[in-house]
Amino acid sequence: MGRFDGRVVLITGAARAQGRAHAVTLARQGADVAICDVAAPMEWAPYEPATPEDLEETAGSCGPRAAASTAPAST
């Protein structure tokens, strides 16, 4: 039994780096994960934007009980 069994978590910025690590870790600990990332260029960002494919890869790593969206979390 995982620490997060029966819980649902929403993780923003989940396509890469820290957000991805959190999503995968929580899923492995039993959480159902809803992951979100804008996956679009942002003028102010000093790095390459995530892609929808990055988000799909994260969802695949989280298992069958993961849902992914490229919509902004504020909508």
PDB file of N, CA and C in Angstrom:
ATOM      1  N   MET A   1       0.844  -1.177   0.000  1.00  0.00           N
ATOM      2  CA  MET A   1       0.000   0.000   0.000  1.00  0.00           C
ATOM      3  C   MET A   1       0.888   1.239   0.000  1.00  0.00           C
ATOM      4  N   GLY A   2       0.643   2.133  -0.952  1.00  0.00           N
ATOM      5  CA  GLY A   2       1.455   3.337  -1.075  1.00  0.00           C
ATOM      6  C   GLY A   2       0.973   4.456  -0.173  1.00  0.00           C
ATOM      7  N   ARG A   3       1.846   5.351   0.098  1.00  0.00           N
ATOM      8  CA  ARG A   3       1.547   6.484   0.971  1.00  0.00           C
ATOM      9  C   ARG A   3       0.422   7.353   0.420  1.00  0.00           C
ATOM     10  N   PHE A   4       0.278   7.412  -0.912  1.00  0.00           N
ATOM     11  CA  PHE A   4      -0.713   8.287  -1.522  1.00  0.00           C
ATOM     12  C   PHE A   4      -1.870   7.524  -2.169  1.00  0.00           C
ATOM     13  N   ASP A   5      -2.076   6.276  -1.798  1.00  0.00           N
ATOM     14  CA  ASP A   5      -3.201   5.501  -2.332  1.00  0.00           C
ATOM     15  C   ASP A   5      -4.511   6.247  -2.086  1.00  0.00           C
ATOM     16  N   GLY A   6      -5.350   6.304  -3.130  1.00  0.00           N
ATOM     17  CA  GLY A   6      -6.649   6.934  -2.984  1.00  0.00           C
ATOM     18  C   GLY A   6      -6.632   8.448  -3.046  1.00  0.00           C
ATOM     19  N   ARG A   7      -5.490   9.032  -3.318  1.00  0.00           N
ATOM     20  CA  ARG A   7      -5.396  10.491  -3.404  1.00  0.00           C
ATOM     21  C   ARG A   7      -5.170  10.914  -4.851  1.00  0.00           C
ATOM     22  N   VAL A   8      -5.647  12.102  -5.156  1.00  0.00           N
ATOM     23  CA  VAL A   8      -5.450  12.681  -6.482  1.00  0.00           C
ATOM     24  C   VAL A   8      -4.607  13.930  -6.313  1.00  0.00           C
ATOM     25  N   VAL A   9      -3.579  14.069  -7.125  1.00  0.00           N
ATOM     26  CA  VAL A   9      -2.724  15.254  -7.063  1.00  0.00           C
ATOM     27  C   VAL A   9      -2.684  15.930  -8.433  1.00  0.00           C
ATOM     28  N   LEU A  10      -2.635  17.241  -8.417  1.00  0.00           N
ATOM     29  CA  LEU A  10      -2.477  18.040  -9.632  1.00  0.00           C
ATOM     30  C   LEU A  10      -1.086  18.642  -9.594  1.00  0.00           C
ATOM     31  N   ILE A  11      -0.332  18.412 -10.642  1.00  0.00           N
ATOM     32  CA  ILE A  11       1.029  18.937 -10.713  1.00  0.00           C
ATOM     33  C   ILE A  11       1.155  19.789 -11.958  1.00  0.00           C
ATOM     34  N   THR A  12       1.515  21.054 -11.762  1.00  0.00           N
ATOM     35  CA  THR A  12       1.738  21.948 -12.895  1.00  0.00           C
ATOM     36  C   THR A  12       3.216  21.934 -13.256  1.00  0.00           C
ATOM     37  N   GLY A  13       3.517  22.253 -14.496  1.00  0.00           N
ATOM     38  CA  GLY A  13       4.900  22.229 -14.954  1.00  0.00           C
ATOM     39  C   GLY A  13       5.466  20.826 -14.961  1.00  0.00           C
ATOM     40  N   ALA A  14       4.617  19.845 -15.272  1.00  0.00           N
ATOM     41  CA  ALA A  14       4.991  18.441 -15.111  1.00  0.00           C
ATOM     42  C   ALA A  14       5.713  17.820 -16.301  1.00  0.00           C
ATOM     43  N   ALA A  15       5.911  18.557 -17.371  1.00  0.00           N
ATOM     44  CA  ALA A  15       6.534  17.955 -18.547  1.00  0.00           C
ATOM     45  C   ALA A  15       8.027  17.734 -18.377  1.00  0.00           C
ATOM     46  N   ARG A  16       8.652  18.475 -17.517  1.00  0.00           N
ATOM     47  CA  ARG A  16      10.106  18.378 -17.373  1.00  0.00           C
ATOM     48  C   ARG A  16      10.559  18.578 -15.929  1.00  0.00           C
ATOM     49  N   ALA A  17      11.794  18.244 -15.717  1.00  0.00           N
ATOM     50  CA  ALA A  17      12.564  18.560 -14.511  1.00  0.00           C
ATOM     51  C   ALA A  17      11.830  18.218 -13.213  1.00  0.00           C
ATOM     52  N   GLN A  18      11.751  19.186 -12.321  1.00  0.00           N
ATOM     53  CA  GLN A  18      11.213  18.940 -10.992  1.00  0.00           C
ATOM     54  C   GLN A  18       9.748  18.516 -11.025  1.00  0.00           C
ATOM     55  N   GLY A  19       8.947  19.152 -11.877  1.00  0.00           N
ATOM     56  CA  GLY A  19       7.538  18.765 -11.978  1.00  0.00           C
ATOM     57  C   GLY A  19       7.376  17.321 -12.413  1.00  0.00           C
ATOM     58  N   ARG A  20       8.173  16.906 -13.382  1.00  0.00           N
ATOM     59  CA  ARG A  20       8.133  15.510 -13.849  1.00  0.00           C
ATOM     60  C   ARG A  20       8.547  14.565 -12.728  1.00  0.00           C
ATOM     61  N   ALA A  21       9.601  14.899 -12.019  1.00  0.00           N
ATOM     62  CA  ALA A  21      10.071  14.044 -10.924  1.00  0.00           C
ATOM     63  C   ALA A  21       9.000  13.883  -9.852  1.00  0.00           C
ATOM     64  N   HIS A  22       8.320  14.965  -9.525  1.00  0.00           N
ATOM     65  CA  HIS A  22       7.250  14.889  -8.523  1.00  0.00           C
ATOM     66  C   HIS A  22       6.107  14.007  -9.027  1.00  0.00           C
ATOM     67  N   ALA A  23       5.698  14.194 -10.274  1.00  0.00           N
ATOM     68  CA  ALA A  23       4.591  13.419 -10.834  1.00  0.00           C
ATOM     69  C   ALA A  23       4.889  11.928 -10.812  1.00  0.00           C
ATOM     70  N   VAL A  24       6.057  11.553 -11.276  1.00  0.00           N
ATOM     71  CA  VAL A  24       6.423  10.136 -11.336  1.00  0.00           C
ATOM     72  C   VAL A  24       6.539   9.548  -9.933  1.00  0.00           C
ATOM     73  N   THR A  25       7.162  10.269  -9.021  1.00  0.00           N
ATOM     74  CA  THR A  25       7.324   9.783  -7.649  1.00  0.00           C
ATOM     75  C   THR A  25       5.980   9.589  -6.959  1.00  0.00           C
ATOM     76  N   LEU A  26       5.094  10.569  -7.080  1.00  0.00           N
ATOM     77  CA  LEU A  26       3.780  10.452  -6.443  1.00  0.00           C
ATOM     78  C   LEU A  26       2.964   9.327  -7.056  1.00  0.00           C
ATOM     79  N   ALA A  27       3.046   9.145  -8.369  1.00  0.00           N
ATOM     80  CA  ALA A  27       2.338   8.039  -9.014  1.00  0.00           C
ATOM     81  C   ALA A  27       2.863   6.701  -8.515  1.00  0.00           C
ATOM     82  N   ARG A  28       4.152   6.580  -8.353  1.00  0.00           N
ATOM     83  CA  ARG A  28       4.739   5.331  -7.850  1.00  0.00           C
ATOM     84  C   ARG A  28       4.323   5.056  -6.411  1.00  0.00           C
ATOM     85  N   GLN A  29       3.955   6.122  -5.690  1.00  0.00           N
ATOM     86  CA  GLN A  29       3.518   5.961  -4.305  1.00  0.00           C
ATOM     87  C   GLN A  29       2.004   5.832  -4.186  1.00  0.00           C
ATOM     88  N   GLY A  30       1.338   5.627  -5.334  1.00  0.00           N
ATOM     89  CA  GLY A  30      -0.079   5.300  -5.321  1.00  0.00           C
ATOM     90  C   GLY A  30      -1.041   6.398  -5.716  1.00  0.00           C
ATOM     91  N   ALA A  31      -0.578   7.613  -5.931  1.00  0.00           N
ATOM     92  CA  ALA A  31      -1.477   8.716  -6.276  1.00  0.00           C
ATOM     93  C   ALA A  31      -1.963   8.606  -7.716  1.00  0.00           C
ATOM     94  N   ASP A  32      -3.185   9.049  -7.927  1.00  0.00           N
ATOM     95  CA  ASP A  32      -3.665   9.292  -9.286  1.00  0.00           C
ATOM     96  C   ASP A  32      -3.197  10.704  -9.614  1.00  0.00           C
ATOM     97  N   VAL A  33      -2.535  10.900 -10.719  1.00  0.00           N
ATOM     98  CA  VAL A  33      -1.966  12.207 -11.016  1.00  0.00           C
ATOM     99  C   VAL A  33      -2.633  12.869 -12.202  1.00  0.00           C
ATOM    100  N   ALA A  34      -2.903  14.150 -12.048  1.00  0.00           N
ATOM    101  CA  ALA A  34      -3.349  15.008 -13.132  1.00  0.00           C
ATOM    102  C   ALA A  34      -2.186  15.950 -13.384  1.00  0.00           C
ATOM    103  N   ILE A  35      -1.614  15.870 -14.567  1.00  0.00           N
ATOM    104  CA  ILE A  35      -0.439  16.678 -14.858  1.00  0.00           C
ATOM    105  C   ILE A  35      -0.763  17.711 -15.920  1.00  0.00           C
ATOM    106  N   CYS A  36      -0.159  18.866 -15.755  1.00  0.00           N
ATOM    107  CA  CYS A  36      -0.451  19.984 -16.638  1.00  0.00           C
ATOM    108  C   CYS A  36       0.845  20.715 -16.960  1.00  0.00           C
ATOM    109  N   ASP A  37       0.972  21.135 -18.202  1.00  0.00           N
ATOM    110  CA  ASP A  37       2.092  21.972 -18.607  1.00  0.00           C
ATOM    111  C   ASP A  37       1.648  22.757 -19.826  1.00  0.00           C
ATOM    112  N   VAL A  38       1.940  24.033 -19.871  1.00  0.00           N
ATOM    113  CA  VAL A  38       1.527  24.859 -21.000  1.00  0.00           C
ATOM    114  C   VAL A  38       2.155  24.357 -22.291  1.00  0.00           C
ATOM    115  N   ALA A  39       3.370  23.868 -22.214  1.00  0.00           N
ATOM    116  CA  ALA A  39       4.069  23.298 -23.377  1.00  0.00           C
ATOM    117  C   ALA A  39       4.051  24.246 -24.567  1.00  0.00           C
ATOM    118  N   ALA A  40       4.372  25.488 -24.296  1.00  0.00           N
ATOM    119  CA  ALA A  40       4.408  26.504 -25.354  1.00  0.00           C
ATOM    120  C   ALA A  40       5.508  27.501 -25.028  1.00  0.00           C
ATOM    121  N   PRO A  41       6.059  28.142 -26.044  1.00  0.00           N
ATOM    122  CA  PRO A  41       7.101  29.141 -25.789  1.00  0.00           C
ATOM    123  C   PRO A  41       6.573  30.303 -24.951  1.00  0.00           C
ATOM    124  N   MET A  42       7.391  30.754 -24.028  1.00  0.00           N
ATOM    125  CA  MET A  42       7.069  31.926 -23.215  1.00  0.00           C
ATOM    126  C   MET A  42       8.210  32.915 -23.396  1.00  0.00           C
ATOM    127  N   GLU A  43       7.896  34.128 -23.745  1.00  0.00           N
ATOM    128  CA  GLU A  43       8.924  35.116 -24.061  1.00  0.00           C
ATOM    129  C   GLU A  43       9.927  35.318 -22.936  1.00  0.00           C
ATOM    130  N   TRP A  44       9.484  35.222 -21.712  1.00  0.00           N
ATOM    131  CA  TRP A  44      10.349  35.505 -20.564  1.00  0.00           C
ATOM    132  C   TRP A  44      11.224  34.312 -20.157  1.00  0.00           C
ATOM    133  N   ALA A  45      10.933  33.128 -20.659  1.00  0.00           N
ATOM    134  CA  ALA A  45      11.655  31.936 -20.213  1.00  0.00           C
ATOM    135  C   ALA A  45      13.023  31.837 -20.888  1.00  0.00           C
ATOM    136  N   PRO A  46      14.091  31.626 -20.098  1.00  0.00           N
ATOM    137  CA  PRO A  46      15.434  31.536 -20.666  1.00  0.00           C
ATOM    138  C   PRO A  46      15.797  30.130 -21.145  1.00  0.00           C
ATOM    139  N   TYR A  47      14.820  29.261 -21.315  1.00  0.00           N
ATOM    140  CA  TYR A  47      15.087  27.884 -21.716  1.00  0.00           C
ATOM    141  C   TYR A  47      14.075  27.447 -22.763  1.00  0.00           C
ATOM    142  N   GLU A  48      14.378  26.346 -23.404  1.00  0.00           N
ATOM    143  CA  GLU A  48      13.477  25.791 -24.408  1.00  0.00           C
ATOM    144  C   GLU A  48      12.187  25.338 -23.734  1.00  0.00           C
ATOM    145  N   PRO A  49      11.049  25.587 -24.348  1.00  0.00           N
ATOM    146  CA  PRO A  49       9.787  25.162 -23.745  1.00  0.00           C
ATOM    147  C   PRO A  49       9.608  23.650 -23.835  1.00  0.00           C
ATOM    148  N   ALA A  50       8.809  23.139 -22.937  1.00  0.00           N
ATOM    149  CA  ALA A  50       8.430  21.738 -23.009  1.00  0.00           C
ATOM    150  C   ALA A  50       7.528  21.552 -24.224  1.00  0.00           C
ATOM    151  N   THR A  51       7.424  20.345 -24.684  1.00  0.00           N
ATOM    152  CA  THR A  51       6.555  20.045 -25.818  1.00  0.00           C
ATOM    153  C   THR A  51       5.408  19.151 -25.353  1.00  0.00           C
ATOM    154  N   PRO A  52       4.342  19.084 -26.121  1.00  0.00           N
ATOM    155  CA  PRO A  52       3.277  18.129 -25.765  1.00  0.00           C
ATOM    156  C   PRO A  52       3.801  16.693 -25.671  1.00  0.00           C
ATOM    157  N   GLU A  53       4.802  16.376 -26.471  1.00  0.00           N
ATOM    158  CA  GLU A  53       5.392  15.036 -26.414  1.00  0.00           C
ATOM    159  C   GLU A  53       6.078  14.804 -25.070  1.00  0.00           C
ATOM    160  N   ASP A  54       6.722  15.848 -24.524  1.00  0.00           N
ATOM    161  CA  ASP A  54       7.332  15.729 -23.192  1.00  0.00           C
ATOM    162  C   ASP A  54       6.266  15.394 -22.155  1.00  0.00           C
ATOM    163  N   LEU A  55       5.116  16.054 -22.260  1.00  0.00           N
ATOM    164  CA  LEU A  55       4.025  15.820 -21.315  1.00  0.00           C
ATOM    165  C   LEU A  55       3.471  14.409 -21.460  1.00  0.00           C
ATOM    166  N   GLU A  56       3.332  13.942 -22.694  1.00  0.00           N
ATOM    167  CA  GLU A  56       2.860  12.575 -22.921  1.00  0.00           C
ATOM    168  C   GLU A  56       3.840  11.550 -22.347  1.00  0.00           C
ATOM    169  N   GLU A  57       5.128  11.822 -22.495  1.00  0.00           N
ATOM    170  CA  GLU A  57       6.133  10.918 -21.932  1.00  0.00           C
ATOM    171  C   GLU A  57       6.022  10.855 -20.417  1.00  0.00           C
ATOM    172  N   THR A  58       5.803  12.001 -19.791  1.00  0.00           N
ATOM    173  CA  THR A  58       5.618  12.027 -18.337  1.00  0.00           C
ATOM    174  C   THR A  58       4.390  11.221 -17.957  1.00  0.00           C
ATOM    175  N   ALA A  59       3.281  11.425 -18.665  1.00  0.00           N
ATOM    176  CA  ALA A  59       2.051  10.681 -18.367  1.00  0.00           C
ATOM    177  C   ALA A  59       2.281   9.181 -18.492  1.00  0.00           C
ATOM    178  N   GLY A  60       3.008   8.774 -19.527  1.00  0.00           N
ATOM    179  CA  GLY A  60       3.313   7.361 -19.702  1.00  0.00           C
ATOM    180  C   GLY A  60       4.135   6.804 -18.556  1.00  0.00           C
ATOM    181  N   SER A  61       5.031   7.611 -18.024  1.00  0.00           N
ATOM    182  CA  SER A  61       5.866   7.183 -16.904  1.00  0.00           C
ATOM    183  C   SER A  61       5.075   7.088 -15.604  1.00  0.00           C
ATOM    184  N   CYS A  62       3.933   7.780 -15.563  1.00  0.00           N
ATOM    185  CA  CYS A  62       3.108   7.788 -14.347  1.00  0.00           C
ATOM    186  C   CYS A  62       2.123   6.627 -14.287  1.00  0.00           C
ATOM    187  N   GLY A  63       1.950   5.918 -15.391  1.00  0.00           N
ATOM    188  CA  GLY A  63       1.069   4.763 -15.385  1.00  0.00           C
ATOM    189  C   GLY A  63      -0.313   5.060 -15.923  1.00  0.00           C
ATOM    190  N   PRO A  64      -1.194   4.057 -15.846  1.00  0.00           N
ATOM    191  CA  PRO A  64      -2.502   4.158 -16.491  1.00  0.00           C
ATOM    192  C   PRO A  64      -3.477   5.113 -15.812  1.00  0.00           C
ATOM    193  N   ARG A  65      -3.207   5.525 -14.590  1.00  0.00           N
ATOM    194  CA  ARG A  65      -4.141   6.404 -13.884  1.00  0.00           C
ATOM    195  C   ARG A  65      -3.639   7.842 -13.863  1.00  0.00           C
ATOM    196  N   ALA A  66      -3.087   8.262 -14.989  1.00  0.00           N
ATOM    197  CA  ALA A  66      -2.590   9.635 -15.129  1.00  0.00           C
ATOM    198  C   ALA A  66      -3.376  10.334 -16.229  1.00  0.00           C
ATOM    199  N   ALA A  67      -3.666  11.606 -15.999  1.00  0.00           N
ATOM    200  CA  ALA A  67      -4.340  12.424 -17.014  1.00  0.00           C
ATOM    201  C   ALA A  67      -3.447  13.619 -17.297  1.00  0.00           C
ATOM    202  N   ALA A  68      -3.312  13.986 -18.565  1.00  0.00           N
ATOM    203  CA  ALA A  68      -2.428  15.089 -18.954  1.00  0.00           C
ATOM    204  C   ALA A  68      -3.192  16.142 -19.721  1.00  0.00           C
ATOM    205  N   SER A  69      -2.777  17.399 -19.533  1.00  0.00           N
ATOM    206  CA  SER A  69      -3.393  18.510 -20.262  1.00  0.00           C
ATOM    207  C   SER A  69      -2.349  19.573 -20.540  1.00  0.00           C
ATOM    208  N   THR A  70      -2.451  20.182 -21.724  1.00  0.00           N
ATOM    209  CA  THR A  70      -1.570  21.314 -22.041  1.00  0.00           C
ATOM    210  C   THR A  70      -2.282  22.640 -21.818  1.00  0.00           C
ATOM    211  N   ALA A  71      -3.472  22.604 -21.264  1.00  0.00           N
ATOM    212  CA  ALA A  71      -4.196  23.852 -20.961  1.00  0.00           C
ATOM    213  C   ALA A  71      -3.573  24.514 -19.737  1.00  0.00           C
ATOM    214  N   PRO A  72      -3.575  25.831 -19.688  1.00  0.00           N
ATOM    215  CA  PRO A  72      -3.082  26.514 -18.485  1.00  0.00           C
ATOM    216  C   PRO A  72      -3.897  26.081 -17.255  1.00  0.00           C
ATOM    217  N   ALA A  73      -3.230  25.891 -16.150  1.00  0.00           N
ATOM    218  CA  ALA A  73      -3.904  25.434 -14.923  1.00  0.00           C
ATOM    219  C   ALA A  73      -4.902  26.464 -14.417  1.00  0.00           C
ATOM    220  N   SER A  74      -4.780  27.702 -14.835  1.00  0.00           N
ATOM    221  CA  SER A  74      -5.683  28.754 -14.351  1.00  0.00           C
ATOM    222  C   SER A  74      -7.035  28.719 -15.044  1.00  0.00           C
ATOM    223  N   THR A  75      -7.193  27.903 -16.101  1.00  0.00           N
ATOM    224  CA  THR A  75      -8.483  27.878 -16.799  1.00  0.00           C
ATOM    225  C   THR A  75      -9.366  26.775 -16.304  1.00  0.00           C
TER     226      THR A  75
END
